[in-house]
Amino acid sequence: MFRAALPKGQREERVFVLPLDGNGKVLAKPILVSVGHADGTAAIDAGAIFREALKAGAEEIIVAHNHPSGDLTPSRADIAATKELKDLAARLGVVFLDHIILGSDDSVEGRNFVSLAEQGI
């Protein structure tokens, strides 16, 4: 779903939130909450993420953003944002399921995303 929301050939980072109900049912298509600037980096804005998620009636969320370079390595900022989002979600009574980083379609080893939840983050 996140990959389908990315425009073909774009070079900026984009941050999305996927709102789900308490049973993991998708409530809406991924919602774009931030687009990177000329340097490509997009801010992971917790306020925008939760505003859109709550507006959609989310009880659970998945956040995703792309790395146009194709490098799936989470940055320090990605890890810090994930921890902040998880903490804020708990305070709001929302289950934070995952933060996914999307690489390019031709990423190394055929896998074009990484789940920070799978990495224990």
PDB file of N, CA and C in Angstrom:
ATOM      1  N   MET A   1       0.820  -1.199   0.000  1.00  0.00           N
ATOM      2  CA  MET A   1       0.000   0.000   0.000  1.00  0.00           C
ATOM      3  C   MET A   1       0.860   1.258   0.000  1.00  0.00           C
ATOM      4  N   PHE A   2       1.946   1.230   0.771  1.00  0.00           N
ATOM      5  CA  PHE A   2       2.805   2.415   0.815  1.00  0.00           C
ATOM      6  C   PHE A   2       3.502   2.634  -0.523  1.00  0.00           C
ATOM      7  N   ARG A   3       3.991   1.563  -1.111  1.00  0.00           N
ATOM      8  CA  ARG A   3       4.688   1.701  -2.383  1.00  0.00           C
ATOM      9  C   ARG A   3       3.764   2.274  -3.456  1.00  0.00           C
ATOM     10  N   ALA A   4       2.506   1.846  -3.461  1.00  0.00           N
ATOM     11  CA  ALA A   4       1.541   2.357  -4.440  1.00  0.00           C
ATOM     12  C   ALA A   4       1.291   3.852  -4.247  1.00  0.00           C
ATOM     13  N   ALA A   5       1.502   4.364  -3.036  1.00  0.00           N
ATOM     14  CA  ALA A   5       1.273   5.780  -2.749  1.00  0.00           C
ATOM     15  C   ALA A   5       2.448   6.663  -3.179  1.00  0.00           C
ATOM     16  N   LEU A   6       3.581   6.045  -3.506  1.00  0.00           N
ATOM     17  CA  LEU A   6       4.758   6.812  -3.925  1.00  0.00           C
ATOM     18  C   LEU A   6       4.710   7.098  -5.423  1.00  0.00           C
ATOM     19  N   PRO A   7       4.887   8.360  -5.818  1.00  0.00           N
ATOM     20  CA  PRO A   7       4.950   8.664  -7.249  1.00  0.00           C
ATOM     21  C   PRO A   7       6.185   8.019  -7.882  1.00  0.00           C
ATOM     22  N   LYS A   8       6.056   7.543  -9.091  1.00  0.00           N
ATOM     23  CA  LYS A   8       7.185   6.933  -9.804  1.00  0.00           C
ATOM     24  C   LYS A   8       8.271   7.973 -10.066  1.00  0.00           C
ATOM     25  N   GLY A   9       9.515   7.594  -9.821  1.00  0.00           N
ATOM     26  CA  GLY A   9      10.656   8.426 -10.161  1.00  0.00           C
ATOM     27  C   GLY A   9      10.888   9.620  -9.255  1.00  0.00           C
ATOM     28  N   GLN A  10      10.136   9.779  -8.189  1.00  0.00           N
ATOM     29  CA  GLN A  10      10.343  10.931  -7.314  1.00  0.00           C
ATOM     30  C   GLN A  10      11.634  10.763  -6.524  1.00  0.00           C
ATOM     31  N   ARG A  11      12.250  11.858  -6.133  1.00  0.00           N
ATOM     32  CA  ARG A  11      13.536  11.824  -5.441  1.00  0.00           C
ATOM     33  C   ARG A  11      13.474  12.402  -4.029  1.00  0.00           C
ATOM     34  N   GLU A  12      12.290  12.739  -3.554  1.00  0.00           N
ATOM     35  CA  GLU A  12      12.162  13.274  -2.207  1.00  0.00           C
ATOM     36  C   GLU A  12      11.641  12.192  -1.268  1.00  0.00           C
ATOM     37  N   GLU A  13      12.029  12.325  -0.025  1.00  0.00           N
ATOM     38  CA  GLU A  13      11.446  11.447   0.989  1.00  0.00           C
ATOM     39  C   GLU A  13      10.001  11.859   1.207  1.00  0.00           C
ATOM     40  N   ARG A  14       9.161  10.881   1.472  1.00  0.00           N
ATOM     41  CA  ARG A  14       7.761  11.119   1.795  1.00  0.00           C
ATOM     42  C   ARG A  14       7.421  10.273   3.007  1.00  0.00           C
ATOM     43  N   VAL A  15       6.673  10.866   3.927  1.00  0.00           N
ATOM     44  CA  VAL A  15       6.280  10.189   5.161  1.00  0.00           C
ATOM     45  C   VAL A  15       4.773   9.962   5.120  1.00  0.00           C
ATOM     46  N   PHE A  16       4.364   8.729   5.446  1.00  0.00           N
ATOM     47  CA  PHE A  16       2.957   8.336   5.420  1.00  0.00           C
ATOM     48  C   PHE A  16       2.566   7.712   6.749  1.00  0.00           C
ATOM     49  N   VAL A  17       1.273   7.788   7.046  1.00  0.00           N
ATOM     50  CA  VAL A  17       0.709   7.041   8.168  1.00  0.00           C
ATOM     51  C   VAL A  17      -0.453   6.215   7.632  1.00  0.00           C
ATOM     52  N   LEU A  18      -0.515   4.976   8.079  1.00  0.00           N
ATOM     53  CA  LEU A  18      -1.617   4.084   7.708  1.00  0.00           C
ATOM     54  C   LEU A  18      -2.476   3.886   8.951  1.00  0.00           C
ATOM     55  N   PRO A  19      -3.716   4.401   8.934  1.00  0.00           N
ATOM     56  CA  PRO A  19      -4.598   4.242  10.092  1.00  0.00           C
ATOM     57  C   PRO A  19      -5.332   2.902  10.045  1.00  0.00           C
ATOM     58  N   LEU A  20      -5.372   2.239  11.200  1.00  0.00           N
ATOM     59  CA  LEU A  20      -6.062   0.951  11.313  1.00  0.00           C
ATOM     60  C   LEU A  20      -6.997   0.987  12.517  1.00  0.00           C
ATOM     61  N   ASP A  21      -8.030   0.152  12.458  1.00  0.00           N
ATOM     62  CA  ASP A  21      -8.893   0.028  13.634  1.00  0.00           C
ATOM     63  C   ASP A  21      -8.223  -0.897  14.637  1.00  0.00           C
ATOM     64  N   GLY A  22      -8.889  -1.181  15.735  1.00  0.00           N
ATOM     65  CA  GLY A  22      -8.308  -2.014  16.789  1.00  0.00           C
ATOM     66  C   GLY A  22      -8.094  -3.461  16.418  1.00  0.00           C
ATOM     67  N   ASN A  23      -8.637  -3.885  15.267  1.00  0.00           N
ATOM     68  CA  ASN A  23      -8.453  -5.255  14.785  1.00  0.00           C
ATOM     69  C   ASN A  23      -7.487  -5.337  13.611  1.00  0.00           C
ATOM     70  N   GLY A  24      -6.781  -4.235  13.338  1.00  0.00           N
ATOM     71  CA  GLY A  24      -5.821  -4.217  12.244  1.00  0.00           C
ATOM     72  C   GLY A  24      -6.429  -3.997  10.874  1.00  0.00           C
ATOM     73  N   LYS A  25      -7.718  -3.633  10.814  1.00  0.00           N
ATOM     74  CA  LYS A  25      -8.362  -3.356   9.533  1.00  0.00           C
ATOM     75  C   LYS A  25      -7.989  -1.945   9.073  1.00  0.00           C
ATOM     76  N   VAL A  26      -7.578  -1.844   7.819  1.00  0.00           N
ATOM     77  CA  VAL A  26      -7.177  -0.558   7.247  1.00  0.00           C
ATOM     78  C   VAL A  26      -8.393   0.355   7.136  1.00  0.00           C
ATOM     79  N   LEU A  27      -8.257   1.571   7.665  1.00  0.00           N
ATOM     80  CA  LEU A  27      -9.350   2.546   7.648  1.00  0.00           C
ATOM     81  C   LEU A  27      -9.286   3.489   6.454  1.00  0.00           C
ATOM     82  N   ALA A  28      -8.094   3.666   5.891  1.00  0.00           N
ATOM     83  CA  ALA A  28      -7.910   4.585   4.758  1.00  0.00           C
ATOM     84  C   ALA A  28      -6.609   4.216   4.053  1.00  0.00           C
ATOM     85  N   LYS A  29      -6.451   4.699   2.849  1.00  0.00           N
ATOM     86  CA  LYS A  29      -5.172   4.538   2.154  1.00  0.00           C
ATOM     87  C   LYS A  29      -4.101   5.264   2.958  1.00  0.00           C
ATOM     88  N   PRO A  30      -2.824   4.953   2.727  1.00  0.00           N
ATOM     89  CA  PRO A  30      -1.768   5.680   3.436  1.00  0.00           C
ATOM     90  C   PRO A  30      -1.934   7.190   3.236  1.00  0.00           C
ATOM     91  N   ILE A  31      -1.816   7.918   4.329  1.00  0.00           N
ATOM     92  CA  ILE A  31      -2.004   9.367   4.304  1.00  0.00           C
ATOM     93  C   ILE A  31      -0.638  10.040   4.286  1.00  0.00           C
ATOM     94  N   LEU A  32      -0.392  10.863   3.282  1.00  0.00           N
ATOM     95  CA  LEU A  32       0.863  11.604   3.170  1.00  0.00           C
ATOM     96  C   LEU A  32       0.883  12.700   4.226  1.00  0.00           C
ATOM     97  N   VAL A  33       1.918  12.718   5.062  1.00  0.00           N
ATOM     98  CA  VAL A  33       1.998  13.732   6.114  1.00  0.00           C
ATOM     99  C   VAL A  33       3.199  14.660   5.961  1.00  0.00           C
ATOM    100  N   SER A  34       4.171  14.304   5.116  1.00  0.00           N
ATOM    101  CA  SER A  34       5.341  15.157   4.939  1.00  0.00           C
ATOM    102  C   SER A  34       6.063  14.797   3.642  1.00  0.00           C
ATOM    103  N   VAL A  35       6.597  15.833   2.978  1.00  0.00           N
ATOM    104  CA  VAL A  35       7.397  15.655   1.769  1.00  0.00           C
ATOM    105  C   VAL A  35       8.714  16.385   1.974  1.00  0.00           C
ATOM    106  N   GLY A  36       9.807  15.731   1.606  1.00  0.00           N
ATOM    107  CA  GLY A  36      11.131  16.329   1.748  1.00  0.00           C
ATOM    108  C   GLY A  36      11.345  17.516   0.836  1.00  0.00           C
ATOM    109  N   HIS A  37      12.384  18.268   1.156  1.00  0.00           N
ATOM    110  CA  HIS A  37      12.744  19.445   0.372  1.00  0.00           C
ATOM    111  C   HIS A  37      13.855  19.089  -0.607  1.00  0.00           C
ATOM    112  N   ALA A  38      14.556  20.083  -1.077  1.00  0.00           N
ATOM    113  CA  ALA A  38      15.595  19.875  -2.086  1.00  0.00           C
ATOM    114  C   ALA A  38      16.659  18.874  -1.649  1.00  0.00           C
ATOM    115  N   ASP A  39      16.954  18.824  -0.336  1.00  0.00           N
ATOM    116  CA  ASP A  39      17.964  17.870   0.141  1.00  0.00           C
ATOM    117  C   ASP A  39      17.416  16.457   0.238  1.00  0.00           C
ATOM    118  N   GLY A  40      16.092  16.314   0.009  1.00  0.00           N
ATOM    119  CA  GLY A  40      15.477  14.998   0.001  1.00  0.00           C
ATOM    120  C   GLY A  40      14.930  14.540   1.331  1.00  0.00           C
ATOM    121  N   THR A  41      15.358  15.150   2.445  1.00  0.00           N
ATOM    122  CA  THR A  41      14.960  14.690   3.765  1.00  0.00           C
ATOM    123  C   THR A  41      13.593  15.246   4.155  1.00  0.00           C
ATOM    124  N   ALA A  42      12.722  14.367   4.617  1.00  0.00           N
ATOM    125  CA  ALA A  42      11.399  14.771   5.088  1.00  0.00           C
ATOM    126  C   ALA A  42      11.360  14.662   6.608  1.00  0.00           C
ATOM    127  N   ALA A  43      10.724  15.634   7.233  1.00  0.00           N
ATOM    128  CA  ALA A  43      10.578  15.599   8.683  1.00  0.00           C
ATOM    129  C   ALA A  43       9.527  14.567   9.073  1.00  0.00           C
ATOM    130  N   ILE A  44       9.821  13.809  10.100  1.00  0.00           N
ATOM    131  CA  ILE A  44       8.831  12.887  10.649  1.00  0.00           C
ATOM    132  C   ILE A  44       8.137  13.667  11.762  1.00  0.00           C
ATOM    133  N   ASP A  45       7.051  14.330  11.398  1.00  0.00           N
ATOM    134  CA  ASP A  45       6.321  15.254  12.262  1.00  0.00           C
ATOM    135  C   ASP A  45       5.257  14.491  13.047  1.00  0.00           C
ATOM    136  N   ALA A  46       5.529  14.251  14.322  1.00  0.00           N
ATOM    137  CA  ALA A  46       4.615  13.470  15.161  1.00  0.00           C
ATOM    138  C   ALA A  46       3.233  14.111  15.221  1.00  0.00           C
ATOM    139  N   GLY A  47       3.176  15.429  15.311  1.00  0.00           N
ATOM    140  CA  GLY A  47       1.887  16.113  15.374  1.00  0.00           C
ATOM    141  C   GLY A  47       1.042  15.832  14.150  1.00  0.00           C
ATOM    142  N   ALA A  48       1.652  15.943  12.965  1.00  0.00           N
ATOM    143  CA  ALA A  48       0.923  15.695  11.715  1.00  0.00           C
ATOM    144  C   ALA A  48       0.501  14.229  11.617  1.00  0.00           C
ATOM    145  N   ILE A  49       1.372  13.332  12.035  1.00  0.00           N
ATOM    146  CA  ILE A  49       1.056  11.898  11.974  1.00  0.00           C
ATOM    147  C   ILE A  49      -0.155  11.573  12.839  1.00  0.00           C
ATOM    148  N   PHE A  50      -0.139  12.019  14.081  1.00  0.00           N
ATOM    149  CA  PHE A  50      -1.241  11.680  14.981  1.00  0.00           C
ATOM    150  C   PHE A  50      -2.512  12.465  14.663  1.00  0.00           C
ATOM    151  N   ARG A  51      -2.378  13.683  14.192  1.00  0.00           N
ATOM    152  CA  ARG A  51      -3.554  14.457  13.774  1.00  0.00           C
ATOM    153  C   ARG A  51      -4.303  13.713  12.679  1.00  0.00           C
ATOM    154  N   GLU A  52      -3.580  13.256  11.658  1.00  0.00           N
ATOM    155  CA  GLU A  52      -4.212  12.541  10.546  1.00  0.00           C
ATOM    156  C   GLU A  52      -4.737  11.176  10.990  1.00  0.00           C
ATOM    157  N   ALA A  53      -3.975  10.497  11.822  1.00  0.00           N
ATOM    158  CA  ALA A  53      -4.391   9.167  12.285  1.00  0.00           C
ATOM    159  C   ALA A  53      -5.674   9.254  13.106  1.00  0.00           C
ATOM    160  N   LEU A  54      -5.722  10.188  14.024  1.00  0.00           N
ATOM    161  CA  LEU A  54      -6.905  10.328  14.877  1.00  0.00           C
ATOM    162  C   LEU A  54      -8.105  10.827  14.094  1.00  0.00           C
ATOM    163  N   LYS A  55      -7.854  11.706  13.127  1.00  0.00           N
ATOM    164  CA  LYS A  55      -8.940  12.188  12.262  1.00  0.00           C
ATOM    165  C   LYS A  55      -9.580  11.018  11.516  1.00  0.00           C
ATOM    166  N   ALA A  56      -8.771  10.018  11.162  1.00  0.00           N
ATOM    167  CA  ALA A  56      -9.267   8.835  10.444  1.00  0.00           C
ATOM    168  C   ALA A  56      -9.869   7.798  11.398  1.00  0.00           C
ATOM    169  N   GLY A  57      -9.806   8.054  12.711  1.00  0.00           N
ATOM    170  CA  GLY A  57     -10.369   7.119  13.683  1.00  0.00           C
ATOM    171  C   GLY A  57      -9.440   5.973  14.041  1.00  0.00           C
ATOM    172  N   ALA A  58      -8.146   6.148  13.833  1.00  0.00           N
ATOM    173  CA  ALA A  58      -7.184   5.072  14.063  1.00  0.00           C
ATOM    174  C   ALA A  58      -7.065   4.695  15.534  1.00  0.00           C
ATOM    175  N   GLU A  59      -6.994   3.395  15.761  1.00  0.00           N
ATOM    176  CA  GLU A  59      -6.653   2.860  17.072  1.00  0.00           C
ATOM    177  C   GLU A  59      -5.248   2.257  17.020  1.00  0.00           C
ATOM    178  N   GLU A  60      -4.789   1.952  15.803  1.00  0.00           N
ATOM    179  CA  GLU A  60      -3.451   1.427  15.555  1.00  0.00           C
ATOM    180  C   GLU A  60      -2.894   2.161  14.348  1.00  0.00           C
ATOM    181  N   ILE A  61      -1.566   2.300  14.277  1.00  0.00           N
ATOM    182  CA  ILE A  61      -0.961   2.944  13.119  1.00  0.00           C
ATOM    183  C   ILE A  61       0.317   2.235  12.691  1.00  0.00           C
ATOM    184  N   ILE A  62       0.616   2.401  11.418  1.00  0.00           N
ATOM    185  CA  ILE A  62       1.909   2.040  10.847  1.00  0.00           C
ATOM    186  C   ILE A  62       2.410   3.291  10.137  1.00  0.00           C
ATOM    187  N   VAL A  63       3.643   3.648  10.396  1.00  0.00           N
ATOM    188  CA  VAL A  63       4.271   4.801   9.747  1.00  0.00           C
ATOM    189  C   VAL A  63       5.287   4.266   8.750  1.00  0.00           C
ATOM    190  N   ALA A  64       5.406   4.944   7.624  1.00  0.00           N
ATOM    191  CA  ALA A  64       6.407   4.543   6.625  1.00  0.00           C
ATOM    192  C   ALA A  64       6.982   5.784   5.962  1.00  0.00           C
ATOM    193  N   HIS A  65       8.230   5.668   5.564  1.00  0.00           N
ATOM    194  CA  HIS A  65       8.824   6.703   4.713  1.00  0.00           C
ATOM    195  C   HIS A  65       9.831   6.031   3.788  1.00  0.00           C
ATOM    196  N   ASN A  66      10.123   6.697   2.711  1.00  0.00           N
ATOM    197  CA  ASN A  66      11.030   6.123   1.724  1.00  0.00           C
ATOM    198  C   ASN A  66      12.418   6.729   1.818  1.00  0.00           C
ATOM    199  N   HIS A  67      13.390   5.955   1.424  1.00  0.00           N
ATOM    200  CA  HIS A  67      14.759   6.419   1.230  1.00  0.00           C
ATOM    201  C   HIS A  67      15.016   6.351  -0.271  1.00  0.00           C
ATOM    202  N   PRO A  68      14.917   7.476  -0.984  1.00  0.00           N
ATOM    203  CA  PRO A  68      15.093   7.457  -2.440  1.00  0.00           C
ATOM    204  C   PRO A  68      16.433   6.880  -2.892  1.00  0.00           C
ATOM    205  N   SER A  69      17.441   6.919  -2.024  1.00  0.00           N
ATOM    206  CA  SER A  69      18.757   6.364  -2.368  1.00  0.00           C
ATOM    207  C   SER A  69      18.701   4.849  -2.504  1.00  0.00           C
ATOM    208  N   GLY A  70      17.671   4.240  -1.911  1.00  0.00           N
ATOM    209  CA  GLY A  70      17.575   2.783  -1.909  1.00  0.00           C
ATOM    210  C   GLY A  70      18.223   2.151  -0.695  1.00  0.00           C
ATOM    211  N   ASP A  71      19.013   2.920   0.049  1.00  0.00           N
ATOM    212  CA  ASP A  71      19.680   2.414   1.252  1.00  0.00           C
ATOM    213  C   ASP A  71      18.638   2.228   2.347  1.00  0.00           C
ATOM    214  N   LEU A  72      18.490   1.014   2.830  1.00  0.00           N
ATOM    215  CA  LEU A  72      17.479   0.705   3.830  1.00  0.00           C
ATOM    216  C   LEU A  72      17.948   0.908   5.272  1.00  0.00           C
ATOM    217  N   THR A  73      19.172   1.344   5.459  1.00  0.00           N
ATOM    218  CA  THR A  73      19.716   1.525   6.797  1.00  0.00           C
ATOM    219  C   THR A  73      18.990   2.659   7.518  1.00  0.00           C
ATOM    220  N   PRO A  74      18.379   2.351   8.679  1.00  0.00           N
ATOM    221  CA  PRO A  74      17.725   3.424   9.437  1.00  0.00           C
ATOM    222  C   PRO A  74      18.767   4.417   9.950  1.00  0.00           C
ATOM    223  N   SER A  75      18.486   5.701   9.787  1.00  0.00           N
ATOM    224  CA  SER A  75      19.384   6.727  10.313  1.00  0.00           C
ATOM    225  C   SER A  75      19.139   6.888  11.808  1.00  0.00           C
ATOM    226  N   ARG A  76      20.028   7.599  12.468  1.00  0.00           N
ATOM    227  CA  ARG A  76      19.818   7.891  13.890  1.00  0.00           C
ATOM    228  C   ARG A  76      18.505   8.647  14.075  1.00  0.00           C
ATOM    229  N   ALA A  77      18.217   9.572  13.142  1.00  0.00           N
ATOM    230  CA  ALA A  77      16.961  10.335  13.211  1.00  0.00           C
ATOM    231  C   ALA A  77      15.757   9.413  13.046  1.00  0.00           C
ATOM    232  N   ASP A  78      15.854   8.417  12.176  1.00  0.00           N
ATOM    233  CA  ASP A  78      14.760   7.451  11.984  1.00  0.00           C
ATOM    234  C   ASP A  78      14.501   6.682  13.285  1.00  0.00           C
ATOM    235  N   ILE A  79      15.563   6.254  13.927  1.00  0.00           N
ATOM    236  CA  ILE A  79      15.439   5.482  15.169  1.00  0.00           C
ATOM    237  C   ILE A  79      14.864   6.353  16.283  1.00  0.00           C
ATOM    238  N   ALA A  80      15.369   7.584  16.398  1.00  0.00           N
ATOM    239  CA  ALA A  80      14.866   8.494  17.431  1.00  0.00           C
ATOM    240  C   ALA A  80      13.394   8.813  17.199  1.00  0.00           C
ATOM    241  N   ALA A  81      13.017   9.051  15.953  1.00  0.00           N
ATOM    242  CA  ALA A  81      11.618   9.353  15.633  1.00  0.00           C
ATOM    243  C   ALA A  81      10.721   8.171  15.953  1.00  0.00           C
ATOM    244  N   THR A  82      11.196   6.975  15.674  1.00  0.00           N
ATOM    245  CA  THR A  82      10.412   5.774  15.961  1.00  0.00           C
ATOM    246  C   THR A  82      10.142   5.653  17.458  1.00  0.00           C
ATOM    247  N   LYS A  83      11.156   5.863  18.262  1.00  0.00           N
ATOM    248  CA  LYS A  83      10.992   5.785  19.714  1.00  0.00           C
ATOM    249  C   LYS A  83      10.037   6.870  20.214  1.00  0.00           C
ATOM    250  N   GLU A  84      10.149   8.075  19.664  1.00  0.00           N
ATOM    251  CA  GLU A  84       9.253   9.169  20.052  1.00  0.00           C
ATOM    252  C   GLU A  84       7.814   8.848  19.656  1.00  0.00           C
ATOM    253  N   LEU A  85       7.616   8.357  18.437  1.00  0.00           N
ATOM    254  CA  LEU A  85       6.266   8.020  17.978  1.00  0.00           C
ATOM    255  C   LEU A  85       5.647   6.922  18.828  1.00  0.00           C
ATOM    256  N   LYS A  86       6.438   5.929  19.174  1.00  0.00           N
ATOM    257  CA  LYS A  86       5.938   4.828  20.006  1.00  0.00           C
ATOM    258  C   LYS A  86       5.503   5.342  21.377  1.00  0.00           C
ATOM    259  N   ASP A  87       6.301   6.224  21.961  1.00  0.00           N
ATOM    260  CA  ASP A  87       5.981   6.803  23.265  1.00  0.00           C
ATOM    261  C   ASP A  87       4.718   7.671  23.185  1.00  0.00           C
ATOM    262  N   LEU A  88       4.639   8.524  22.189  1.00  0.00           N
ATOM    263  CA  LEU A  88       3.469   9.390  22.034  1.00  0.00           C
ATOM    264  C   LEU A  88       2.211   8.578  21.764  1.00  0.00           C
ATOM    265  N   ALA A  89       2.330   7.533  20.964  1.00  0.00           N
ATOM    266  CA  ALA A  89       1.180   6.675  20.675  1.00  0.00           C
ATOM    267  C   ALA A  89       0.633   6.076  21.965  1.00  0.00           C
ATOM    268  N   ALA A  90       1.517   5.588  22.815  1.00  0.00           N
ATOM    269  CA  ALA A  90       1.084   4.994  24.084  1.00  0.00           C
ATOM    270  C   ALA A  90       0.348   6.023  24.937  1.00  0.00           C
ATOM    271  N   ARG A  91       0.833   7.251  24.940  1.00  0.00           N
ATOM    272  CA  ARG A  91       0.181   8.320  25.715  1.00  0.00           C
ATOM    273  C   ARG A  91      -1.204   8.653  25.175  1.00  0.00           C
ATOM    274  N   LEU A  92      -1.371   8.489  23.852  1.00  0.00           N
ATOM    275  CA  LEU A  92      -2.659   8.798  23.217  1.00  0.00           C
ATOM    276  C   LEU A  92      -3.594   7.598  23.159  1.00  0.00           C
ATOM    277  N   GLY A  93      -3.121   6.452  23.611  1.00  0.00           N
ATOM    278  CA  GLY A  93      -3.940   5.244  23.566  1.00  0.00           C
ATOM    279  C   GLY A  93      -4.031   4.630  22.183  1.00  0.00           C
ATOM    280  N   VAL A  94      -3.024   4.894  21.361  1.00  0.00           N
ATOM    281  CA  VAL A  94      -2.947   4.346  20.002  1.00  0.00           C
ATOM    282  C   VAL A  94      -1.821   3.316  19.981  1.00  0.00           C
ATOM    283  N   VAL A  95      -2.053   2.203  19.316  1.00  0.00           N
ATOM    284  CA  VAL A  95      -1.022   1.171  19.209  1.00  0.00           C
ATOM    285  C   VAL A  95      -0.127   1.500  18.017  1.00  0.00           C
ATOM    286  N   PHE A  96       1.156   1.658  18.289  1.00  0.00           N
ATOM    287  CA  PHE A  96       2.136   1.925  17.237  1.00  0.00           C
ATOM    288  C   PHE A  96       2.705   0.581  16.798  1.00  0.00           C
ATOM    289  N   LEU A  97       2.322   0.122  15.620  1.00  0.00           N
ATOM    290  CA  LEU A  97       2.704  -1.207  15.161  1.00  0.00           C
ATOM    291  C   LEU A  97       4.096  -1.270  14.533  1.00  0.00           C
ATOM    292  N   ASP A  98       4.432  -0.270  13.724  1.00  0.00           N
ATOM    293  CA  ASP A  98       5.698  -0.367  12.998  1.00  0.00           C
ATOM    294  C   ASP A  98       6.052   0.946  12.332  1.00  0.00           C
ATOM    295  N   HIS A  99       7.325   1.080  12.026  1.00  0.00           N
ATOM    296  CA  HIS A  99       7.864   2.142  11.179  1.00  0.00           C
ATOM    297  C   HIS A  99       8.620   1.413  10.079  1.00  0.00           C
ATOM    298  N   ILE A 100       8.199   1.617   8.863  1.00  0.00           N
ATOM    299  CA  ILE A 100       8.774   0.920   7.716  1.00  0.00           C
ATOM    300  C   ILE A 100       9.558   1.899   6.867  1.00  0.00           C
ATOM    301  N   ILE A 101      10.749   1.488   6.458  1.00  0.00           N
ATOM    302  CA  ILE A 101      11.546   2.284   5.522  1.00  0.00           C
ATOM    303  C   ILE A 101      11.489   1.582   4.178  1.00  0.00           C
ATOM    304  N   LEU A 102      11.073   2.319   3.169  1.00  0.00           N
ATOM    305  CA  LEU A 102      10.975   1.790   1.804  1.00  0.00           C
ATOM    306  C   LEU A 102      12.206   2.186   1.016  1.00  0.00           C
ATOM    307  N   GLY A 103      12.821   1.218   0.352  1.00  0.00           N
ATOM    308  CA  GLY A 103      13.937   1.495  -0.533  1.00  0.00           C
ATOM    309  C   GLY A 103      13.437   1.608  -1.958  1.00  0.00           C
ATOM    310  N   SER A 104      14.338   1.580  -2.885  1.00  0.00           N
ATOM    311  CA  SER A 104      13.957   1.610  -4.294  1.00  0.00           C
ATOM    312  C   SER A 104      13.508   0.211  -4.720  1.00  0.00           C
ATOM    313  N   ASP A 105      12.872   0.126  -5.873  1.00  0.00           N
ATOM    314  CA  ASP A 105      12.382  -1.160  -6.356  1.00  0.00           C
ATOM    315  C   ASP A 105      13.503  -2.159  -6.604  1.00  0.00           C
ATOM    316  N   ASP A 106      14.734  -1.664  -6.779  1.00  0.00           N
ATOM    317  CA  ASP A 106      15.863  -2.551  -7.071  1.00  0.00           C
ATOM    318  C   ASP A 106      16.857  -2.602  -5.906  1.00  0.00           C
ATOM    319  N   SER A 107      16.341  -2.547  -4.674  1.00  0.00           N
ATOM    320  CA  SER A 107      17.200  -2.571  -3.494  1.00  0.00           C
ATOM    321  C   SER A 107      17.981  -3.882  -3.407  1.00  0.00           C
ATOM    322  N   VAL A 108      19.044  -3.844  -2.646  1.00  0.00           N
ATOM    323  CA  VAL A 108      19.929  -4.992  -2.466  1.00  0.00           C
ATOM    324  C   VAL A 108      19.170  -6.186  -1.897  1.00  0.00           C
ATOM    325  N   GLU A 109      19.526  -7.370  -2.344  1.00  0.00           N
ATOM    326  CA  GLU A 109      18.993  -8.643  -1.870  1.00  0.00           C
ATOM    327  C   GLU A 109      17.508  -8.821  -2.164  1.00  0.00           C
ATOM    328  N   GLY A 110      16.957  -8.014  -3.066  1.00  0.00           N
ATOM    329  CA  GLY A 110      15.580  -8.185  -3.482  1.00  0.00           C
ATOM    330  C   GLY A 110      14.549  -7.705  -2.478  1.00  0.00           C
ATOM    331  N   ARG A 111      14.964  -7.315  -1.305  1.00  0.00           N
ATOM    332  CA  ARG A 111      14.022  -6.798  -0.310  1.00  0.00           C
ATOM    333  C   ARG A 111      14.058  -5.279  -0.394  1.00  0.00           C
ATOM    334  N   ASN A 112      12.907  -4.680  -0.605  1.00  0.00           N
ATOM    335  CA  ASN A 112      12.908  -3.237  -0.809  1.00  0.00           C
ATOM    336  C   ASN A 112      12.269  -2.461   0.342  1.00  0.00           C
ATOM    337  N   PHE A 113      12.262  -3.066   1.524  1.00  0.00           N
ATOM    338  CA  PHE A 113      11.808  -2.358   2.714  1.00  0.00           C
ATOM    339  C   PHE A 113      12.459  -2.983   3.945  1.00  0.00           C
ATOM    340  N   VAL A 114      12.426  -2.220   5.035  1.00  0.00           N
ATOM    341  CA  VAL A 114      12.882  -2.741   6.311  1.00  0.00           C
ATOM    342  C   VAL A 114      11.862  -2.321   7.372  1.00  0.00           C
ATOM    343  N   SER A 115      11.565  -3.242   8.261  1.00  0.00           N
ATOM    344  CA  SER A 115      10.647  -3.009   9.364  1.00  0.00           C
ATOM    345  C   SER A 115      11.476  -2.729  10.616  1.00  0.00           C
ATOM    346  N   LEU A 116      11.293  -1.561  11.203  1.00  0.00           N
ATOM    347  CA  LEU A 116      12.023  -1.284  12.429  1.00  0.00           C
ATOM    348  C   LEU A 116      11.525  -2.140  13.581  1.00  0.00           C
ATOM    349  N   ALA A 117      10.245  -2.534  13.548  1.00  0.00           N
ATOM    350  CA  ALA A 117       9.729  -3.450  14.576  1.00  0.00           C
ATOM    351  C   ALA A 117      10.458  -4.795  14.509  1.00  0.00           C
ATOM    352  N   GLU A 118      10.698  -5.288  13.291  1.00  0.00           N
ATOM    353  CA  GLU A 118      11.437  -6.549  13.142  1.00  0.00           C
ATOM    354  C   GLU A 118      12.855  -6.434  13.673  1.00  0.00           C
ATOM    355  N   GLN A 119      13.401  -5.215  13.647  1.00  0.00           N
ATOM    356  CA  GLN A 119      14.753  -4.988  14.144  1.00  0.00           C
ATOM    357  C   GLN A 119      14.769  -4.718  15.648  1.00  0.00           C
ATOM    358  N   GLY A 120      13.594  -4.771  16.275  1.00  0.00           N
ATOM    359  CA  GLY A 120      13.528  -4.558  17.713  1.00  0.00           C
ATOM    360  C   GLY A 120      13.548  -3.103  18.128  1.00  0.00           C
ATOM    361  N   ILE A 121      13.306  -2.216  17.188  1.00  0.00           N
ATOM    362  CA  ILE A 121      13.317  -0.772  17.491  1.00  0.00           C
ATOM    363  C   ILE A 121      11.886  -0.287  17.698  1.00  0.00           C
TER     364      ILE A 121
END
